[in-house]
Amino acid sequence: MNRLRTMTARAACSPSTDRKPRSWHAPIALRDIAARLALALLIGLAVLAIAPAHAQGRPSKLVIGLLPGESAPTVMRLNEPLRAYLERRLGLPVELVVGANYAATGEALRFGRLDIAYLGPVTYILQSRRAKLEPFARPSHALIGPTFQAVIIVPKDSPAQSLQDLKGKEIAFGDPASTSGTWVPRYQLLAAGLASERDYTLRVLGAHDAVALAVANRKVAAGGLSMPIYQRLLKEGKIDANAVRVLAESPAIPEYMWTFREGLDPAFKEEIRKAFISVNDPEALKVFRAEAFIPGVDADVDRVRGWIEAIRNQTPSAVPAP
């Protein structure tokens, strides 16, 4: 039985085929980003609200939501060892669902079409304003603990030596709700005195790998993305190390959090919590570059709330209303 599927905001309750390879997108103005986020949320609301959430009690399967940081097939492949581990540990089928965008995954969790989801800090913060989501675990890494970083990269031969040198340029970002693919790089640029629309043109490409390829192919002057994904793309040869370089690294970012939907059976939540905290399968942990999963709580992402507020203060329309 195939337990891997993708999910769109329009049909988050139904199986769908893998996403097609991304094509080059036209520039999206900053004022359109909040509207794009809001539209995705409204579509998810209209469709998902008509289907009831899971009833209390142990379900017949565990449905896990994943964000489309890369193509759906890649996300599914990388998370298959964890799916298999949880299936063995919990003794029931486990299905992976990859959203067509970050909002689709967040809305599906909010409306009970997913049991748990792996959410970045920004996606979690935006969705937790609308539902009682409960973070319960996050990956922890050797030496740095439960954090990761974003990078802003440029073509190898770019004359830029600092973020200030990107003034007046076009900069690529991932999904509008991506923490390391949009919000943290925007905060880095803001801290360097550069505001979107005023000082640079923001181009939305939807995913980390698309951003890296755009920079490598000199389609944009720079791009922001997750450092771990950037490093893996280099290691796998998906981008040429001679075509790009890192211009700036971000501060430490609180890690993604595994999050329960509202209304999940308490006894089943405890089973899931224990399964994550006790995982010691190297293959299951590999995609997360983690030594282990440790407990997670809402306050873990307070640092990111501060960065969102700084961007909101500069550009009030950047954050959709609750």
C-alpha atoms as a PDB file:
ATOM      1  CA  MET A   1       0.000   0.000   0.000  1.00  0.00           C
ATOM      2  CA  ASN A   2       1.375   3.380  -0.934  1.00  0.00           C
ATOM      3  CA  ARG A   3       1.457   5.560   2.165  1.00  0.00           C
ATOM      4  CA  LEU A   4       3.191   8.524   0.558  1.00  0.00           C
ATOM      5  CA  ARG A   5       1.146  11.304  -0.955  1.00  0.00           C
ATOM      6  CA  THR A   6       1.250  14.979  -1.746  1.00  0.00           C
ATOM      7  CA  MET A   7      -1.319  17.532  -0.651  1.00  0.00           C
ATOM      8  CA  THR A   8      -2.511  20.780  -2.161  1.00  0.00           C
ATOM      9  CA  ALA A   9      -4.415  23.489  -0.347  1.00  0.00           C
ATOM     10  CA  ARG A  10      -7.303  22.750  -2.719  1.00  0.00           C
ATOM     11  CA  ALA A  11      -7.422  19.015  -2.026  1.00  0.00           C
ATOM     12  CA  ALA A  12      -5.616  18.361   1.209  1.00  0.00           C
ATOM     13  CA  CYS A  13      -7.834  15.402   1.984  1.00  0.00           C
ATOM     14  CA  SER A  14      -7.212  13.446  -1.234  1.00  0.00           C
ATOM     15  CA  PRO A  15      -4.183  11.629  -2.683  1.00  0.00           C
ATOM     16  CA  SER A  16      -2.444  13.466  -5.497  1.00  0.00           C
ATOM     17  CA  THR A  17       0.434  12.839  -7.830  1.00  0.00           C
ATOM     18  CA  ASP A  18       3.956  14.082  -7.186  1.00  0.00           C
ATOM     19  CA  ARG A  19       4.519  17.717  -7.925  1.00  0.00           C
ATOM     20  CA  LYS A  20       5.861  18.614 -11.324  1.00  0.00           C
ATOM     21  CA  PRO A  21       9.379  20.063 -11.593  1.00  0.00           C
ATOM     22  CA  ARG A  22       9.388  23.743 -10.854  1.00  0.00           C
ATOM     23  CA  SER A  23       9.628  26.197 -13.691  1.00  0.00           C
ATOM     24  CA  TRP A  24      10.947  29.742 -13.489  1.00  0.00           C
ATOM     25  CA  HIS A  25       8.474  32.124 -11.863  1.00  0.00           C
ATOM     26  CA  ALA A  26       7.835  35.774 -12.615  1.00  0.00           C
ATOM     27  CA  PRO A  27       8.773  38.234  -9.844  1.00  0.00           C
ATOM     28  CA  ILE A  28       6.249  38.561  -7.025  1.00  0.00           C
ATOM     29  CA  ALA A  29       6.067  41.947  -5.322  1.00  0.00           C
ATOM     30  CA  LEU A  30       6.353  42.047  -1.537  1.00  0.00           C
ATOM     31  CA  ARG A  31       2.834  43.429  -1.199  1.00  0.00           C
ATOM     32  CA  ASP A  32       1.560  40.271  -2.916  1.00  0.00           C
ATOM     33  CA  ILE A  33       3.245  37.863  -0.503  1.00  0.00           C
ATOM     34  CA  ALA A  34       0.869  38.422   2.401  1.00  0.00           C
ATOM     35  CA  ALA A  35      -2.037  38.169  -0.043  1.00  0.00           C
ATOM     36  CA  ARG A  36      -0.620  34.920  -1.398  1.00  0.00           C
ATOM     37  CA  LEU A  37      -0.340  33.489   2.105  1.00  0.00           C
ATOM     38  CA  ALA A  38      -3.855  34.634   2.967  1.00  0.00           C
ATOM     39  CA  LEU A  39      -5.317  33.167  -0.233  1.00  0.00           C
ATOM     40  CA  ALA A  40      -3.725  29.783   0.439  1.00  0.00           C
ATOM     41  CA  LEU A  41      -5.103  29.847   3.961  1.00  0.00           C
ATOM     42  CA  LEU A  42      -8.598  30.744   2.762  1.00  0.00           C
ATOM     43  CA  ILE A  43      -8.605  27.957   0.172  1.00  0.00           C
ATOM     44  CA  GLY A  44      -7.508  25.505   2.830  1.00  0.00           C
ATOM     45  CA  LEU A  45     -10.225  26.781   5.156  1.00  0.00           C
ATOM     46  CA  ALA A  46     -12.979  26.435   2.553  1.00  0.00           C
ATOM     47  CA  VAL A  47     -12.109  22.855   1.651  1.00  0.00           C
ATOM     48  CA  LEU A  48     -10.774  21.387   4.863  1.00  0.00           C
ATOM     49  CA  ALA A  49     -13.508  22.775   7.087  1.00  0.00           C
ATOM     50  CA  ILE A  50     -16.113  20.584   5.406  1.00  0.00           C
ATOM     51  CA  ALA A  51     -14.376  17.389   6.557  1.00  0.00           C
ATOM     52  CA  PRO A  52     -14.564  16.418  10.240  1.00  0.00           C
ATOM     53  CA  ALA A  53     -11.426  16.000  12.295  1.00  0.00           C
ATOM     54  CA  HIS A  54     -10.468  12.563  13.560  1.00  0.00           C
ATOM     55  CA  ALA A  55     -12.550  11.303  16.452  1.00  0.00           C
ATOM     56  CA  GLN A  56     -10.997  10.740  19.859  1.00  0.00           C
ATOM     57  CA  GLY A  57      -9.328   7.400  20.372  1.00  0.00           C
ATOM     58  CA  ARG A  58      -6.446   5.606  18.750  1.00  0.00           C
ATOM     59  CA  PRO A  59      -6.787   6.076  14.969  1.00  0.00           C
ATOM     60  CA  SER A  60      -6.398   3.295  12.411  1.00  0.00           C
ATOM     61  CA  LYS A  61      -3.300   5.041  11.000  1.00  0.00           C
ATOM     62  CA  LEU A  62      -0.989   7.948  11.763  1.00  0.00           C
ATOM     63  CA  VAL A  63      -0.981  10.727   9.158  1.00  0.00           C
ATOM     64  CA  ILE A  64       2.154  12.894   9.154  1.00  0.00           C
ATOM     65  CA  GLY A  65       2.441  16.260   7.404  1.00  0.00           C
ATOM     66  CA  LEU A  66       5.705  17.488   5.914  1.00  0.00           C
ATOM     67  CA  LEU A  67       6.594  20.855   4.419  1.00  0.00           C
ATOM     68  CA  PRO A  68       7.680  21.038   0.745  1.00  0.00           C
ATOM     69  CA  GLY A  69      11.108  22.507   1.379  1.00  0.00           C
ATOM     70  CA  GLU A  70      12.190  20.580  -1.717  1.00  0.00           C
ATOM     71  CA  SER A  71      10.290  18.531  -4.308  1.00  0.00           C
ATOM     72  CA  ALA A  72       7.705  16.148  -2.861  1.00  0.00           C
ATOM     73  CA  PRO A  73       9.527  12.981  -4.025  1.00  0.00           C
ATOM     74  CA  THR A  74      12.729  14.185  -2.350  1.00  0.00           C
ATOM     75  CA  VAL A  75      10.962  15.023   0.911  1.00  0.00           C
ATOM     76  CA  MET A  76       9.232  11.624   0.932  1.00  0.00           C
ATOM     77  CA  ARG A  77      12.435   9.723   0.149  1.00  0.00           C
ATOM     78  CA  LEU A  78      14.390  11.447   2.887  1.00  0.00           C
ATOM     79  CA  ASN A  79      11.679  10.815   5.488  1.00  0.00           C
ATOM     80  CA  GLU A  80      10.924   7.195   4.597  1.00  0.00           C
ATOM     81  CA  PRO A  81      13.255   5.748   7.314  1.00  0.00           C
ATOM     82  CA  LEU A  82      11.390   7.715   9.994  1.00  0.00           C
ATOM     83  CA  ARG A  83       8.033   6.585   8.603  1.00  0.00           C
ATOM     84  CA  ALA A  84       9.148   2.947   8.704  1.00  0.00           C
ATOM     85  CA  TYR A  85      10.488   3.333  12.262  1.00  0.00           C
ATOM     86  CA  LEU A  86       7.226   4.833  13.525  1.00  0.00           C
ATOM     87  CA  GLU A  87       5.187   2.147  11.807  1.00  0.00           C
ATOM     88  CA  ARG A  88       7.193  -0.560  13.581  1.00  0.00           C
ATOM     89  CA  ARG A  89       7.176   1.236  16.919  1.00  0.00           C
ATOM     90  CA  LEU A  90       3.476   2.179  16.975  1.00  0.00           C
ATOM     91  CA  GLY A  91       2.187  -0.961  15.292  1.00  0.00           C
ATOM     92  CA  LEU A  92      -0.112   0.811  12.820  1.00  0.00           C
ATOM     93  CA  PRO A  93       0.165   2.218   9.274  1.00  0.00           C
ATOM     94  CA  VAL A  94       1.956   5.553   8.938  1.00  0.00           C
ATOM     95  CA  GLU A  95       1.334   7.837   5.959  1.00  0.00           C
ATOM     96  CA  LEU A  96       3.444  10.798   4.840  1.00  0.00           C
ATOM     97  CA  VAL A  97       1.694  13.784   3.265  1.00  0.00           C
ATOM     98  CA  VAL A  98       3.665  16.587   1.604  1.00  0.00           C
ATOM     99  CA  GLY A  99       1.831  19.878   1.150  1.00  0.00           C
ATOM    100  CA  ALA A 100       1.909  21.758  -2.146  1.00  0.00           C
ATOM    101  CA  ASN A 101       3.002  24.743  -0.057  1.00  0.00           C
ATOM    102  CA  TYR A 102       3.671  25.519   3.583  1.00  0.00           C
ATOM    103  CA  ALA A 103       0.193  26.955   4.144  1.00  0.00           C
ATOM    104  CA  ALA A 104      -1.446  23.733   2.914  1.00  0.00           C
ATOM    105  CA  THR A 105       0.406  21.657   5.502  1.00  0.00           C
ATOM    106  CA  GLY A 106      -0.343  24.094   8.298  1.00  0.00           C
ATOM    107  CA  GLU A 107      -4.030  24.310   7.429  1.00  0.00           C
ATOM    108  CA  ALA A 108      -4.361  20.531   7.158  1.00  0.00           C
ATOM    109  CA  LEU A 109      -2.957  20.161  10.676  1.00  0.00           C
ATOM    110  CA  ARG A 110      -5.221  22.916  11.932  1.00  0.00           C
ATOM    111  CA  PHE A 111      -8.342  21.213  10.585  1.00  0.00           C
ATOM    112  CA  GLY A 112      -7.418  17.711  11.692  1.00  0.00           C
ATOM    113  CA  ARG A 113      -6.557  16.166   8.331  1.00  0.00           C
ATOM    114  CA  LEU A 114      -3.099  15.442   9.731  1.00  0.00           C
ATOM    115  CA  ASP A 115      -2.301  13.995  13.148  1.00  0.00           C
ATOM    116  CA  ILE A 116       1.168  15.499  13.482  1.00  0.00           C
ATOM    117  CA  ALA A 117       3.312  17.750  11.301  1.00  0.00           C
ATOM    118  CA  TYR A 118       6.925  18.877  11.143  1.00  0.00           C
ATOM    119  CA  LEU A 119       6.599  22.664  11.126  1.00  0.00           C
ATOM    120  CA  GLY A 120       9.179  25.386  10.822  1.00  0.00           C
ATOM    121  CA  PRO A 121       9.017  28.125  13.457  1.00  0.00           C
ATOM    122  CA  VAL A 122       7.201  30.631  11.219  1.00  0.00           C
ATOM    123  CA  THR A 123       4.607  28.121   9.974  1.00  0.00           C
ATOM    124  CA  TYR A 124       4.005  27.012  13.561  1.00  0.00           C
ATOM    125  CA  ILE A 125       3.705  30.595  14.832  1.00  0.00           C
ATOM    126  CA  LEU A 126       1.215  31.602  12.123  1.00  0.00           C
ATOM    127  CA  GLN A 127      -0.937  28.497  12.556  1.00  0.00           C
ATOM    128  CA  SER A 128      -0.876  28.515  16.365  1.00  0.00           C
ATOM    129  CA  ARG A 129      -2.652  31.884  16.277  1.00  0.00           C
ATOM    130  CA  ARG A 130      -5.653  30.022  14.838  1.00  0.00           C
ATOM    131  CA  ALA A 131      -5.603  26.643  16.603  1.00  0.00           C
ATOM    132  CA  LYS A 132      -4.331  25.030  19.799  1.00  0.00           C
ATOM    133  CA  LEU A 133      -1.341  23.258  18.321  1.00  0.00           C
ATOM    134  CA  GLU A 134       1.054  21.465  20.651  1.00  0.00           C
ATOM    135  CA  PRO A 135       4.766  21.100  19.855  1.00  0.00           C
ATOM    136  CA  PHE A 136       6.283  17.990  21.398  1.00  0.00           C
ATOM    137  CA  ALA A 137       9.708  17.232  19.895  1.00  0.00           C
ATOM    138  CA  ARG A 138      12.536  18.814  17.916  1.00  0.00           C
ATOM    139  CA  PRO A 139      15.860  17.557  16.576  1.00  0.00           C
ATOM    140  CA  SER A 140      19.066  18.256  18.474  1.00  0.00           C
ATOM    141  CA  HIS A 141      22.487  18.264  16.809  1.00  0.00           C
ATOM    142  CA  ALA A 142      26.034  17.635  17.924  1.00  0.00           C
ATOM    143  CA  LEU A 143      27.769  20.777  19.229  1.00  0.00           C
ATOM    144  CA  ILE A 144      24.942  23.227  18.328  1.00  0.00           C
ATOM    145  CA  GLY A 145      21.886  21.664  19.981  1.00  0.00           C
ATOM    146  CA  PRO A 146      18.341  22.260  18.627  1.00  0.00           C
ATOM    147  CA  THR A 147      19.248  25.008  16.155  1.00  0.00           C
ATOM    148  CA  PHE A 148      20.157  25.458  12.501  1.00  0.00           C
ATOM    149  CA  GLN A 149      21.061  28.356  10.194  1.00  0.00           C
ATOM    150  CA  ALA A 150      20.084  30.032   6.969  1.00  0.00           C
ATOM    151  CA  VAL A 151      22.499  31.393   4.379  1.00  0.00           C
ATOM    152  CA  ILE A 152      22.376  34.075   1.735  1.00  0.00           C
ATOM    153  CA  ILE A 153      24.323  32.909  -1.303  1.00  0.00           C
ATOM    154  CA  VAL A 154      25.556  34.676  -4.420  1.00  0.00           C
ATOM    155  CA  PRO A 155      27.152  33.576  -7.694  1.00  0.00           C
ATOM    156  CA  LYS A 156      30.805  32.653  -7.197  1.00  0.00           C
ATOM    157  CA  ASP A 157      32.074  35.671  -9.142  1.00  0.00           C
ATOM    158  CA  SER A 158      29.615  38.162  -7.666  1.00  0.00           C
ATOM    159  CA  PRO A 159      31.268  41.455  -6.660  1.00  0.00           C
ATOM    160  CA  ALA A 160      29.159  41.539  -3.487  1.00  0.00           C
ATOM    161  CA  GLN A 161      31.239  41.352  -0.309  1.00  0.00           C
ATOM    162  CA  SER A 162      28.515  42.242   2.199  1.00  0.00           C
ATOM    163  CA  LEU A 163      24.751  42.269   2.401  1.00  0.00           C
ATOM    164  CA  GLN A 164      24.772  46.023   1.841  1.00  0.00           C
ATOM    165  CA  ASP A 165      26.214  45.348  -1.631  1.00  0.00           C
ATOM    166  CA  LEU A 166      22.900  43.722  -2.604  1.00  0.00           C
ATOM    167  CA  LYS A 167      21.086  47.060  -2.548  1.00  0.00           C
ATOM    168  CA  GLY A 168      19.083  47.503  -5.737  1.00  0.00           C
ATOM    169  CA  LYS A 169      19.419  43.830  -6.687  1.00  0.00           C
ATOM    170  CA  GLU A 170      16.934  40.996  -7.161  1.00  0.00           C
ATOM    171  CA  ILE A 171      17.021  38.386  -4.370  1.00  0.00           C
ATOM    172  CA  ALA A 172      15.329  34.976  -4.457  1.00  0.00           C
ATOM    173  CA  PHE A 173      13.438  33.383  -1.566  1.00  0.00           C
ATOM    174  CA  GLY A 174      11.552  30.126  -1.003  1.00  0.00           C
ATOM    175  CA  ASP A 175       8.005  29.633   0.234  1.00  0.00           C
ATOM    176  CA  PRO A 176       6.476  32.817   1.723  1.00  0.00           C
ATOM    177  CA  ALA A 177       6.034  31.004   5.073  1.00  0.00           C
ATOM    178  CA  SER A 178       9.490  29.393   5.119  1.00  0.00           C
ATOM    179  CA  THR A 179      11.576  30.288   8.162  1.00  0.00           C
ATOM    180  CA  SER A 180      15.044  29.786   6.669  1.00  0.00           C
ATOM    181  CA  GLY A 181      13.959  30.283   3.056  1.00  0.00           C
ATOM    182  CA  THR A 182      12.272  33.671   3.494  1.00  0.00           C
ATOM    183  CA  TRP A 183      11.832  35.141   6.962  1.00  0.00           C
ATOM    184  CA  VAL A 184      15.313  34.776   8.424  1.00  0.00           C
ATOM    185  CA  PRO A 185      17.110  35.978   5.252  1.00  0.00           C
ATOM    186  CA  ARG A 186      14.741  38.937   5.153  1.00  0.00           C
ATOM    187  CA  TYR A 187      15.589  39.657   8.782  1.00  0.00           C
ATOM    188  CA  GLN A 188      19.315  39.433   7.971  1.00  0.00           C
ATOM    189  CA  LEU A 189      18.879  41.948   5.170  1.00  0.00           C
ATOM    190  CA  LEU A 190      16.775  44.226   7.387  1.00  0.00           C
ATOM    191  CA  ALA A 191      19.464  44.127  10.092  1.00  0.00           C
ATOM    192  CA  ALA A 192      21.928  45.214   7.399  1.00  0.00           C
ATOM    193  CA  GLY A 193      19.713  48.188   6.575  1.00  0.00           C
ATOM    194  CA  LEU A 194      17.981  46.752   3.502  1.00  0.00           C
ATOM    195  CA  ALA A 195      14.192  46.703   3.353  1.00  0.00           C
ATOM    196  CA  SER A 196      12.315  44.706   0.729  1.00  0.00           C
ATOM    197  CA  GLU A 197      10.749  46.726  -2.108  1.00  0.00           C
ATOM    198  CA  ARG A 198      12.607  49.816  -0.965  1.00  0.00           C
ATOM    199  CA  ASP A 199      16.135  48.432  -1.284  1.00  0.00           C
ATOM    200  CA  TYR A 200      15.827  45.153  -3.211  1.00  0.00           C
ATOM    201  CA  THR A 201      13.374  43.207  -5.338  1.00  0.00           C
ATOM    202  CA  LEU A 202      12.022  40.055  -3.692  1.00  0.00           C
ATOM    203  CA  ARG A 203      11.464  37.048  -5.990  1.00  0.00           C
ATOM    204  CA  VAL A 204       9.478  34.089  -4.600  1.00  0.00           C
ATOM    205  CA  LEU A 205      10.530  30.683  -5.980  1.00  0.00           C
ATOM    206  CA  GLY A 206       8.803  28.371  -3.503  1.00  0.00           C
ATOM    207  CA  ALA A 207      11.588  26.023  -2.378  1.00  0.00           C
ATOM    208  CA  HIS A 208      15.202  25.949  -1.226  1.00  0.00           C
ATOM    209  CA  ASP A 209      16.527  23.941  -4.167  1.00  0.00           C
ATOM    210  CA  ALA A 210      14.878  26.315  -6.653  1.00  0.00           C
ATOM    211  CA  VAL A 211      16.588  29.262  -4.943  1.00  0.00           C
ATOM    212  CA  ALA A 212      20.010  27.585  -5.060  1.00  0.00           C
ATOM    213  CA  LEU A 213      19.616  26.751  -8.750  1.00  0.00           C
ATOM    214  CA  ALA A 214      18.500  30.292  -9.574  1.00  0.00           C
ATOM    215  CA  VAL A 215      21.628  31.724  -7.964  1.00  0.00           C
ATOM    216  CA  ALA A 216      23.902  29.111  -9.547  1.00  0.00           C
ATOM    217  CA  ASN A 217      22.409  29.913 -12.958  1.00  0.00           C
ATOM    218  CA  ARG A 218      22.784  33.662 -12.360  1.00  0.00           C
ATOM    219  CA  LYS A 219      19.050  34.294 -12.651  1.00  0.00           C
ATOM    220  CA  VAL A 220      19.176  36.453  -9.513  1.00  0.00           C
ATOM    221  CA  ALA A 221      21.866  38.376  -7.656  1.00  0.00           C
ATOM    222  CA  ALA A 222      21.433  36.400  -4.427  1.00  0.00           C
ATOM    223  CA  GLY A 223      19.166  33.954  -2.629  1.00  0.00           C
ATOM    224  CA  GLY A 224      18.236  32.898   0.890  1.00  0.00           C
ATOM    225  CA  LEU A 225      17.858  29.271   1.947  1.00  0.00           C
ATOM    226  CA  SER A 226      18.485  26.701   4.675  1.00  0.00           C
ATOM    227  CA  MET A 227      22.164  26.046   5.319  1.00  0.00           C
ATOM    228  CA  PRO A 228      21.676  22.274   5.830  1.00  0.00           C
ATOM    229  CA  ILE A 229      19.828  21.996   2.519  1.00  0.00           C
ATOM    230  CA  TYR A 230      22.441  24.138   0.770  1.00  0.00           C
ATOM    231  CA  GLN A 231      25.201  21.882   2.098  1.00  0.00           C
ATOM    232  CA  ARG A 232      23.360  18.739   1.007  1.00  0.00           C
ATOM    233  CA  LEU A 233      22.727  20.119  -2.474  1.00  0.00           C
ATOM    234  CA  LEU A 234      26.468  20.725  -2.799  1.00  0.00           C
ATOM    235  CA  LYS A 235      27.317  17.257  -1.468  1.00  0.00           C
ATOM    236  CA  GLU A 236      24.887  15.559  -3.857  1.00  0.00           C
ATOM    237  CA  GLY A 237      26.195  17.571  -6.811  1.00  0.00           C
ATOM    238  CA  LYS A 238      22.817  19.181  -7.488  1.00  0.00           C
ATOM    239  CA  ILE A 239      24.482  22.582  -7.572  1.00  0.00           C
ATOM    240  CA  ASP A 240      28.028  23.314  -8.697  1.00  0.00           C
ATOM    241  CA  ALA A 241      30.323  24.344  -5.849  1.00  0.00           C
ATOM    242  CA  ASN A 242      32.231  26.494  -8.359  1.00  0.00           C
ATOM    243  CA  ALA A 243      29.080  28.424  -9.238  1.00  0.00           C
ATOM    244  CA  VAL A 244      28.019  29.733  -5.802  1.00  0.00           C
ATOM    245  CA  ARG A 245      29.394  30.966  -2.497  1.00  0.00           C
ATOM    246  CA  VAL A 246      27.996  32.012   0.884  1.00  0.00           C
ATOM    247  CA  LEU A 247      27.775  35.746   1.401  1.00  0.00           C
ATOM    248  CA  ALA A 248      26.283  35.691   4.909  1.00  0.00           C
ATOM    249  CA  GLU A 249      25.206  33.183   7.563  1.00  0.00           C
ATOM    250  CA  SER A 250      22.246  33.794   9.853  1.00  0.00           C
ATOM    251  CA  PRO A 251      22.109  33.730  13.650  1.00  0.00           C
ATOM    252  CA  ALA A 252      21.123  30.396  15.186  1.00  0.00           C
ATOM    253  CA  ILE A 253      17.490  29.561  14.378  1.00  0.00           C
ATOM    254  CA  PRO A 254      15.327  27.440  16.713  1.00  0.00           C
ATOM    255  CA  GLU A 255      14.755  24.068  15.090  1.00  0.00           C
ATOM    256  CA  TYR A 256      11.577  22.825  13.432  1.00  0.00           C
ATOM    257  CA  MET A 257       9.084  21.259  15.808  1.00  0.00           C
ATOM    258  CA  TRP A 258       7.005  18.114  15.593  1.00  0.00           C
ATOM    259  CA  THR A 259       3.512  19.301  16.444  1.00  0.00           C
ATOM    260  CA  PHE A 260       0.248  17.598  17.460  1.00  0.00           C
ATOM    261  CA  ARG A 261      -3.065  18.697  16.011  1.00  0.00           C
ATOM    262  CA  GLU A 262      -5.740  19.866  18.402  1.00  0.00           C
ATOM    263  CA  GLY A 263      -8.013  17.088  19.659  1.00  0.00           C
ATOM    264  CA  LEU A 264      -5.676  14.134  19.195  1.00  0.00           C
ATOM    265  CA  ASP A 265      -6.303  11.386  21.754  1.00  0.00           C
ATOM    266  CA  PRO A 266      -4.108  12.048  24.854  1.00  0.00           C
ATOM    267  CA  ALA A 267      -3.039   8.417  25.224  1.00  0.00           C
ATOM    268  CA  PHE A 268      -2.068   8.218  21.555  1.00  0.00           C
ATOM    269  CA  LYS A 269      -0.156  11.504  21.855  1.00  0.00           C
ATOM    270  CA  GLU A 270       1.886   9.992  24.665  1.00  0.00           C
ATOM    271  CA  GLU A 271       2.677   6.961  22.500  1.00  0.00           C
ATOM    272  CA  ILE A 272       3.884   9.228  19.714  1.00  0.00           C
ATOM    273  CA  ARG A 273       5.856  11.449  22.084  1.00  0.00           C
ATOM    274  CA  LYS A 274       7.693   8.461  23.540  1.00  0.00           C
ATOM    275  CA  ALA A 275       8.370   7.046  20.079  1.00  0.00           C
ATOM    276  CA  PHE A 276      10.100  10.274  19.020  1.00  0.00           C
ATOM    277  CA  ILE A 277      12.045  10.937  22.200  1.00  0.00           C
ATOM    278  CA  SER A 278      13.368   7.373  22.310  1.00  0.00           C
ATOM    279  CA  VAL A 279      14.296   7.007  18.616  1.00  0.00           C
ATOM    280  CA  ASN A 280      17.885   5.823  18.198  1.00  0.00           C
ATOM    281  CA  ASP A 281      17.725   4.544  14.614  1.00  0.00           C
ATOM    282  CA  PRO A 282      20.538   6.372  12.751  1.00  0.00           C
ATOM    283  CA  GLU A 283      18.665   6.123   9.445  1.00  0.00           C
ATOM    284  CA  ALA A 284      15.517   7.662  10.938  1.00  0.00           C
ATOM    285  CA  LEU A 285      17.564  10.541  12.355  1.00  0.00           C
ATOM    286  CA  LYS A 286      19.765  11.032   9.270  1.00  0.00           C
ATOM    287  CA  VAL A 287      17.561  13.461   7.342  1.00  0.00           C
ATOM    288  CA  PHE A 288      17.391  15.677  10.430  1.00  0.00           C
ATOM    289  CA  ARG A 289      21.209  15.492  10.988  1.00  0.00           C
ATOM    290  CA  ALA A 290      20.182  14.804  14.576  1.00  0.00           C
ATOM    291  CA  GLU A 291      21.665  12.936  17.501  1.00  0.00           C
ATOM    292  CA  ALA A 292      18.190  12.656  18.992  1.00  0.00           C
ATOM    293  CA  PHE A 293      14.787  14.271  19.285  1.00  0.00           C
ATOM    294  CA  ILE A 294      14.307  16.266  22.473  1.00  0.00           C
ATOM    295  CA  PRO A 295      11.122  17.763  23.972  1.00  0.00           C
ATOM    296  CA  GLY A 296       9.801  20.937  22.361  1.00  0.00           C
ATOM    297  CA  VAL A 297       7.538  23.682  23.729  1.00  0.00           C
ATOM    298  CA  ASP A 298       5.957  26.859  22.386  1.00  0.00           C
ATOM    299  CA  ALA A 299       8.530  29.179  24.000  1.00  0.00           C
ATOM    300  CA  ASP A 300      11.313  27.552  21.959  1.00  0.00           C
ATOM    301  CA  VAL A 301      10.438  29.788  18.988  1.00  0.00           C
ATOM    302  CA  ASP A 302      10.161  33.111  20.845  1.00  0.00           C
ATOM    303  CA  ARG A 303      13.346  34.353  19.141  1.00  0.00           C
ATOM    304  CA  VAL A 304      11.653  33.950  15.767  1.00  0.00           C
ATOM    305  CA  ARG A 305       8.591  35.854  17.002  1.00  0.00           C
ATOM    306  CA  GLY A 306      10.926  38.785  17.590  1.00  0.00           C
ATOM    307  CA  TRP A 307      12.278  38.604  14.035  1.00  0.00           C
ATOM    308  CA  ILE A 308       8.754  38.460  12.603  1.00  0.00           C
ATOM    309  CA  GLU A 309       7.817  41.515  14.635  1.00  0.00           C
ATOM    310  CA  ALA A 310      10.853  43.425  13.338  1.00  0.00           C
ATOM    311  CA  ILE A 311       9.818  42.701   9.742  1.00  0.00           C
ATOM    312  CA  ARG A 312       6.187  43.573  10.530  1.00  0.00           C
ATOM    313  CA  ASN A 313       7.268  46.925  11.975  1.00  0.00           C
ATOM    314  CA  GLN A 314       9.107  47.728   8.744  1.00  0.00           C
ATOM    315  CA  THR A 315       6.453  46.249   6.418  1.00  0.00           C
ATOM    316  CA  PRO A 316       3.062  45.881   8.158  1.00  0.00           C
ATOM    317  CA  SER A 317       1.548  44.018   5.191  1.00  0.00           C
ATOM    318  CA  ALA A 318       4.191  41.271   5.374  1.00  0.00           C
ATOM    319  CA  VAL A 319       2.323  39.276   8.044  1.00  0.00           C
ATOM    320  CA  PRO A 320      -1.254  38.109   7.348  1.00  0.00           C
ATOM    321  CA  ALA A 321      -3.873  38.968   9.955  1.00  0.00           C
ATOM    322  CA  PRO A 322      -4.821  36.205  12.426  1.00  0.00           C
END
